Amino acid sequence: MSDAKDRRKYNRFRIEDGAYAIISHDVSRLGHIIDISEKGISFSYLGSDTIEQNEIDIDIFMYHHNYYLDKVPSKVVSNFRITNDSLFNFVTLMRCCLEFKDMPEEKQAEVEYLIKTFSTGDN
């Protein structure tokens, strides 16, 4: 099989509700985390704009747990519109997929802690 899940080196995990990612210093890119792995993350956000930068920093926070991880260096792998079959066709939902890049050891340890502590299972 050659689907995306088979090509991944690292398992992706769903995270508890209340987990958000934000592109550092861009509140319009606040979104709900879809899944996370040791080497990347994907999240959905409202809007129709694509992310212009290739290299970005993101912040990750857990609303219900007072958890915050800032400035995680990342590279945009893909950014696309999610098909919306609901009655709210006027709302555009985007999905951003990022690969973590050149993370210091302490940031990598925090990502591993986040997965171990707040994941709800494989995606």
N, C-alpha and C. Protein backbone atom coordinates (compact mmCIF):
# COMPACT_ATOMS: atom_id res chain seq x y z
N MET A 1 0.84 -1.19 0.00
CA MET A 1 0.00 0.00 0.00
C MET A 1 0.88 1.24 0.00
N SER A 2 0.39 2.27 -0.63
CA SER A 2 1.20 3.48 -0.71
C SER A 2 0.46 4.71 -0.23
N ASP A 3 -0.48 4.53 0.69
CA ASP A 3 -1.19 5.71 1.18
C ASP A 3 -0.31 6.46 2.18
N ALA A 4 -0.76 7.66 2.55
CA ALA A 4 0.04 8.55 3.40
C ALA A 4 0.37 7.91 4.74
N LYS A 5 -0.56 7.18 5.32
CA LYS A 5 -0.32 6.58 6.63
C LYS A 5 0.82 5.57 6.57
N ASP A 6 0.90 4.81 5.48
CA ASP A 6 1.97 3.82 5.33
C ASP A 6 3.33 4.48 5.12
N ARG A 7 3.36 5.66 4.53
CA ARG A 7 4.62 6.35 4.26
C ARG A 7 5.16 7.07 5.49
N ARG A 8 4.35 7.30 6.49
CA ARG A 8 4.79 8.03 7.67
C ARG A 8 5.74 7.19 8.51
N LYS A 9 6.80 7.85 8.98
CA LYS A 9 7.76 7.18 9.85
C LYS A 9 7.31 7.19 11.30
N TYR A 10 6.48 8.16 11.66
CA TYR A 10 6.06 8.34 13.04
C TYR A 10 4.54 8.29 13.14
N ASN A 11 4.04 7.61 14.16
CA ASN A 11 2.59 7.55 14.38
C ASN A 11 2.05 8.93 14.69
N ARG A 12 0.86 9.18 14.18
CA ARG A 12 0.16 10.43 14.50
C ARG A 12 -0.85 10.12 15.59
N PHE A 13 -1.02 11.09 16.50
CA PHE A 13 -1.92 10.91 17.63
C PHE A 13 -2.95 12.03 17.67
N ARG A 14 -4.18 11.65 18.00
CA ARG A 14 -5.20 12.66 18.28
C ARG A 14 -4.91 13.20 19.68
N ILE A 15 -5.27 14.46 19.90
CA ILE A 15 -5.05 15.12 21.18
C ILE A 15 -6.40 15.48 21.77
N GLU A 16 -6.48 15.55 23.10
CA GLU A 16 -7.72 15.93 23.78
C GLU A 16 -8.31 17.21 23.20
N ASP A 17 -9.63 17.36 23.36
CA ASP A 17 -10.28 18.62 22.98
C ASP A 17 -9.65 19.76 23.76
N GLY A 18 -9.61 20.91 23.16
CA GLY A 18 -9.02 22.07 23.82
C GLY A 18 -7.56 22.28 23.46
N ALA A 19 -7.07 21.53 22.45
CA ALA A 19 -5.69 21.67 22.00
C ALA A 19 -5.66 22.54 20.75
N TYR A 20 -4.85 23.57 20.77
CA TYR A 20 -4.81 24.53 19.67
C TYR A 20 -3.38 24.81 19.23
N ALA A 21 -3.25 25.18 17.98
CA ALA A 21 -1.98 25.63 17.43
C ALA A 21 -2.22 27.02 16.85
N ILE A 22 -1.19 27.83 16.92
CA ILE A 22 -1.27 29.17 16.35
C ILE A 22 0.08 29.48 15.72
N ILE A 23 0.03 30.04 14.53
CA ILE A 23 1.27 30.51 13.93
C ILE A 23 1.70 31.73 14.72
N SER A 24 2.89 31.67 15.25
CA SER A 24 3.38 32.72 16.16
C SER A 24 3.09 34.10 15.61
N HIS A 25 2.49 34.91 16.42
CA HIS A 25 2.20 36.32 16.13
C HIS A 25 1.19 36.51 15.00
N ASP A 26 0.33 35.52 14.74
CA ASP A 26 -0.70 35.65 13.71
C ASP A 26 -2.00 35.03 14.23
N VAL A 27 -2.74 35.80 15.02
CA VAL A 27 -3.95 35.30 15.67
C VAL A 27 -4.96 34.77 14.66
N SER A 28 -4.93 35.25 13.43
CA SER A 28 -5.89 34.76 12.43
C SER A 28 -5.61 33.32 12.05
N ARG A 29 -4.50 32.78 12.44
CA ARG A 29 -4.14 31.39 12.14
C ARG A 29 -4.21 30.51 13.38
N LEU A 30 -5.16 30.78 14.23
CA LEU A 30 -5.42 29.95 15.41
C LEU A 30 -6.30 28.80 14.98
N GLY A 31 -5.92 27.57 15.31
CA GLY A 31 -6.74 26.45 14.88
C GLY A 31 -6.69 25.26 15.81
N HIS A 32 -7.66 24.39 15.65
CA HIS A 32 -7.80 23.17 16.43
C HIS A 32 -6.81 22.12 15.92
N ILE A 33 -6.05 21.52 16.83
CA ILE A 33 -5.10 20.48 16.44
C ILE A 33 -5.86 19.22 16.03
N ILE A 34 -5.54 18.72 14.84
CA ILE A 34 -6.14 17.49 14.33
C ILE A 34 -5.34 16.29 14.83
N ASP A 35 -4.03 16.33 14.62
CA ASP A 35 -3.16 15.28 15.11
C ASP A 35 -1.73 15.79 15.23
N ILE A 36 -0.91 14.99 15.93
CA ILE A 36 0.48 15.37 16.18
C ILE A 36 1.33 14.11 16.23
N SER A 37 2.59 14.24 15.83
CA SER A 37 3.57 13.17 15.97
C SER A 37 4.84 13.78 16.53
N GLU A 38 5.86 12.97 16.71
CA GLU A 38 7.13 13.49 17.20
C GLU A 38 7.75 14.47 16.20
N LYS A 39 7.37 14.36 14.94
CA LYS A 39 8.01 15.17 13.90
C LYS A 39 7.09 16.11 13.15
N GLY A 40 5.81 16.22 13.56
CA GLY A 40 4.93 17.12 12.84
C GLY A 40 3.57 17.26 13.48
N ILE A 41 2.77 18.15 12.90
CA ILE A 41 1.46 18.47 13.45
C ILE A 41 0.55 18.91 12.31
N SER A 42 -0.75 18.69 12.47
CA SER A 42 -1.71 19.28 11.54
C SER A 42 -2.83 19.91 12.36
N PHE A 43 -3.35 21.01 11.83
CA PHE A 43 -4.44 21.70 12.51
C PHE A 43 -5.35 22.34 11.48
N SER A 44 -6.59 22.60 11.89
CA SER A 44 -7.55 23.27 11.01
C SER A 44 -7.80 24.67 11.52
N TYR A 45 -8.07 25.58 10.59
CA TYR A 45 -8.36 26.96 10.97
C TYR A 45 -9.35 27.56 9.98
N LEU A 46 -10.05 28.59 10.41
CA LEU A 46 -11.00 29.29 9.55
C LEU A 46 -10.25 30.28 8.67
N GLY A 47 -10.69 30.38 7.43
CA GLY A 47 -10.09 31.35 6.51
C GLY A 47 -9.81 30.71 5.18
N SER A 48 -9.54 31.52 4.19
CA SER A 48 -9.27 30.99 2.86
C SER A 48 -7.86 31.31 2.39
N ASP A 49 -7.11 32.03 3.21
CA ASP A 49 -5.75 32.40 2.82
C ASP A 49 -4.81 31.21 3.01
N THR A 50 -3.87 31.07 2.10
CA THR A 50 -2.83 30.07 2.29
C THR A 50 -1.69 30.72 3.08
N ILE A 51 -0.88 29.90 3.67
CA ILE A 51 0.26 30.39 4.43
C ILE A 51 1.40 30.62 3.46
N GLU A 52 1.85 31.85 3.39
CA GLU A 52 2.85 32.24 2.40
C GLU A 52 4.26 31.78 2.76
N GLN A 53 4.59 31.80 4.05
CA GLN A 53 5.94 31.44 4.46
C GLN A 53 6.14 29.93 4.38
N ASN A 54 7.36 29.52 4.11
CA ASN A 54 7.70 28.11 4.10
C ASN A 54 8.15 27.66 5.48
N GLU A 55 8.93 28.49 6.16
CA GLU A 55 9.43 28.20 7.50
C GLU A 55 8.70 29.12 8.48
N ILE A 56 8.09 28.53 9.51
CA ILE A 56 7.33 29.31 10.49
C ILE A 56 7.57 28.76 11.89
N ASP A 57 7.20 29.54 12.88
CA ASP A 57 7.16 29.07 14.26
C ASP A 57 5.70 28.95 14.66
N ILE A 58 5.39 27.90 15.41
CA ILE A 58 4.03 27.77 15.92
C ILE A 58 4.06 27.66 17.44
N ASP A 59 2.96 28.04 18.03
CA ASP A 59 2.75 27.88 19.46
C ASP A 59 1.65 26.82 19.62
N ILE A 60 1.79 25.99 20.63
CA ILE A 60 0.82 24.94 20.92
C ILE A 60 0.32 25.17 22.34
N PHE A 61 -1.01 25.14 22.50
CA PHE A 61 -1.51 25.27 23.86
C PHE A 61 -2.73 24.39 24.09
N MET A 62 -2.88 24.02 25.37
CA MET A 62 -4.00 23.20 25.82
C MET A 62 -4.87 24.09 26.70
N TYR A 63 -6.04 24.40 26.23
CA TYR A 63 -6.94 25.32 26.91
C TYR A 63 -7.29 24.85 28.32
N HIS A 64 -7.58 23.56 28.48
CA HIS A 64 -8.06 23.05 29.76
C HIS A 64 -6.95 22.67 30.74
N HIS A 65 -5.71 22.69 30.30
CA HIS A 65 -4.63 22.21 31.15
C HIS A 65 -3.55 23.26 31.44
N ASN A 66 -3.78 24.49 31.03
CA ASN A 66 -2.80 25.55 31.27
C ASN A 66 -1.42 25.16 30.75
N TYR A 67 -1.39 24.55 29.56
CA TYR A 67 -0.15 24.10 28.94
C TYR A 67 0.14 24.99 27.73
N TYR A 68 1.40 25.42 27.60
CA TYR A 68 1.78 26.30 26.49
C TYR A 68 3.20 25.98 26.05
N LEU A 69 3.38 25.74 24.78
CA LEU A 69 4.70 25.52 24.19
C LEU A 69 4.86 26.52 23.06
N ASP A 70 5.83 27.40 23.17
CA ASP A 70 5.94 28.47 22.18
C ASP A 70 7.11 28.26 21.22
N LYS A 71 6.97 28.88 20.07
CA LYS A 71 8.01 28.98 19.04
C LYS A 71 8.62 27.64 18.66
N VAL A 72 7.77 26.73 18.22
CA VAL A 72 8.24 25.45 17.71
C VAL A 72 8.57 25.65 16.23
N PRO A 73 9.84 25.50 15.84
CA PRO A 73 10.21 25.74 14.44
C PRO A 73 9.62 24.66 13.53
N SER A 74 9.00 25.11 12.44
CA SER A 74 8.27 24.20 11.57
C SER A 74 8.40 24.60 10.11
N LYS A 75 8.12 23.64 9.25
CA LYS A 75 8.09 23.86 7.81
C LYS A 75 6.72 23.46 7.30
N VAL A 76 6.12 24.29 6.45
CA VAL A 76 4.81 23.98 5.87
C VAL A 76 4.98 22.85 4.84
N VAL A 77 4.25 21.76 5.07
CA VAL A 77 4.26 20.63 4.14
C VAL A 77 3.09 20.78 3.17
N SER A 78 1.91 21.11 3.72
CA SER A 78 0.74 21.37 2.87
C SER A 78 -0.23 22.27 3.61
N ASN A 79 -1.03 22.95 2.83
CA ASN A 79 -2.05 23.85 3.37
C ASN A 79 -3.18 23.86 2.35
N PHE A 80 -4.34 23.34 2.72
CA PHE A 80 -5.40 23.19 1.72
C PHE A 80 -6.78 23.35 2.35
N ARG A 81 -7.74 23.60 1.49
CA ARG A 81 -9.13 23.76 1.91
C ARG A 81 -9.74 22.40 2.20
N ILE A 82 -10.47 22.32 3.31
CA ILE A 82 -11.18 21.10 3.66
C ILE A 82 -12.58 21.20 3.06
N THR A 83 -12.99 20.17 2.34
CA THR A 83 -14.32 20.17 1.73
C THR A 83 -15.37 20.24 2.83
N ASN A 84 -16.31 21.14 2.64
CA ASN A 84 -17.33 21.39 3.65
C ASN A 84 -18.69 21.04 3.06
N ASP A 85 -19.29 19.97 3.55
CA ASP A 85 -20.60 19.53 3.05
C ASP A 85 -21.75 19.95 3.95
N SER A 86 -21.48 20.86 4.86
CA SER A 86 -22.53 21.29 5.79
C SER A 86 -23.35 22.43 5.19
N LEU A 87 -24.30 22.89 5.96
CA LEU A 87 -25.13 24.02 5.54
C LEU A 87 -24.34 25.33 5.54
N PHE A 88 -23.21 25.33 6.21
CA PHE A 88 -22.43 26.56 6.37
C PHE A 88 -21.35 26.68 5.29
N ASN A 89 -21.75 26.65 4.04
CA ASN A 89 -20.80 26.71 2.94
C ASN A 89 -20.06 28.03 2.86
N PHE A 90 -20.56 29.05 3.54
CA PHE A 90 -19.89 30.35 3.50
C PHE A 90 -18.65 30.37 4.39
N VAL A 91 -18.47 29.35 5.21
CA VAL A 91 -17.30 29.25 6.09
C VAL A 91 -16.25 28.39 5.40
N THR A 92 -15.05 28.92 5.25
CA THR A 92 -13.96 28.17 4.65
C THR A 92 -13.07 27.62 5.75
N LEU A 93 -12.88 26.32 5.73
CA LEU A 93 -12.03 25.66 6.71
C LEU A 93 -10.78 25.15 6.00
N MET A 94 -9.62 25.48 6.55
CA MET A 94 -8.34 25.09 5.97
C MET A 94 -7.66 24.07 6.88
N ARG A 95 -6.80 23.26 6.29
CA ARG A 95 -5.96 22.33 7.06
C ARG A 95 -4.50 22.63 6.74
N CYS A 96 -3.72 22.82 7.77
CA CYS A 96 -2.30 23.10 7.64
C CYS A 96 -1.52 21.92 8.23
N CYS A 97 -0.60 21.38 7.45
CA CYS A 97 0.24 20.27 7.90
C CYS A 97 1.69 20.75 7.96
N LEU A 98 2.31 20.57 9.11
CA LEU A 98 3.65 21.09 9.35
C LEU A 98 4.60 19.97 9.75
N GLU A 99 5.85 20.12 9.37
CA GLU A 99 6.93 19.26 9.83
C GLU A 99 7.78 20.07 10.79
N PHE A 100 8.05 19.52 11.97
CA PHE A 100 8.93 20.22 12.91
C PHE A 100 10.35 20.19 12.35
N LYS A 101 11.05 21.33 12.45
CA LYS A 101 12.39 21.45 11.88
C LYS A 101 13.38 21.94 12.92
N ASP A 102 14.53 21.30 12.98
CA ASP A 102 15.65 21.76 13.80
C ASP A 102 15.22 22.15 15.21
N MET A 103 14.47 21.28 15.85
CA MET A 103 13.97 21.57 17.20
C MET A 103 15.07 21.34 18.23
N PRO A 104 15.23 22.29 19.13
CA PRO A 104 16.14 22.04 20.25
C PRO A 104 15.64 20.85 21.08
N GLU A 105 16.53 20.20 21.80
CA GLU A 105 16.16 19.01 22.57
C GLU A 105 15.03 19.27 23.55
N GLU A 106 15.03 20.45 24.19
CA GLU A 106 13.98 20.73 25.17
C GLU A 106 12.61 20.86 24.51
N LYS A 107 12.55 21.39 23.29
CA LYS A 107 11.26 21.47 22.57
C LYS A 107 10.81 20.06 22.16
N GLN A 108 11.76 19.24 21.70
CA GLN A 108 11.42 17.86 21.33
C GLN A 108 10.88 17.11 22.54
N ALA A 109 11.50 17.30 23.69
CA ALA A 109 11.03 16.65 24.92
C ALA A 109 9.62 17.12 25.28
N GLU A 110 9.33 18.40 25.06
CA GLU A 110 7.99 18.94 25.34
C GLU A 110 6.95 18.33 24.41
N VAL A 111 7.29 18.16 23.13
CA VAL A 111 6.36 17.54 22.19
C VAL A 111 6.08 16.10 22.61
N GLU A 112 7.12 15.37 23.01
CA GLU A 112 6.94 14.00 23.47
C GLU A 112 6.07 13.96 24.73
N TYR A 113 6.27 14.91 25.63
CA TYR A 113 5.45 15.01 26.84
C TYR A 113 3.99 15.27 26.47
N LEU A 114 3.77 16.18 25.53
CA LEU A 114 2.42 16.51 25.07
C LEU A 114 1.72 15.27 24.54
N ILE A 115 2.40 14.50 23.72
CA ILE A 115 1.82 13.28 23.15
C ILE A 115 1.51 12.27 24.26
N LYS A 116 2.48 12.05 25.12
CA LYS A 116 2.32 11.05 26.19
C LYS A 116 1.21 11.43 27.17
N THR A 117 1.08 12.72 27.46
CA THR A 117 0.15 13.17 28.48
C THR A 117 -1.26 13.44 27.96
N PHE A 118 -1.38 13.99 26.74
CA PHE A 118 -2.68 14.46 26.27
C PHE A 118 -3.24 13.74 25.05
N SER A 119 -2.55 12.70 24.56
CA SER A 119 -3.08 12.02 23.37
C SER A 119 -4.24 11.11 23.76
N THR A 120 -5.12 10.91 22.79
CA THR A 120 -6.29 10.05 23.00
C THR A 120 -6.22 8.81 22.13
N GLY A 121 -5.11 8.58 21.46
CA GLY A 121 -4.94 7.38 20.64
C GLY A 121 -4.39 7.70 19.27
N ASP A 122 -4.01 6.63 18.55
CA ASP A 122 -3.51 6.78 17.19
C ASP A 122 -4.57 7.37 16.29
N ASN A 123 -4.11 8.09 15.30
CA ASN A 123 -5.02 8.66 14.31
C ASN A 123 -5.18 7.70 13.16
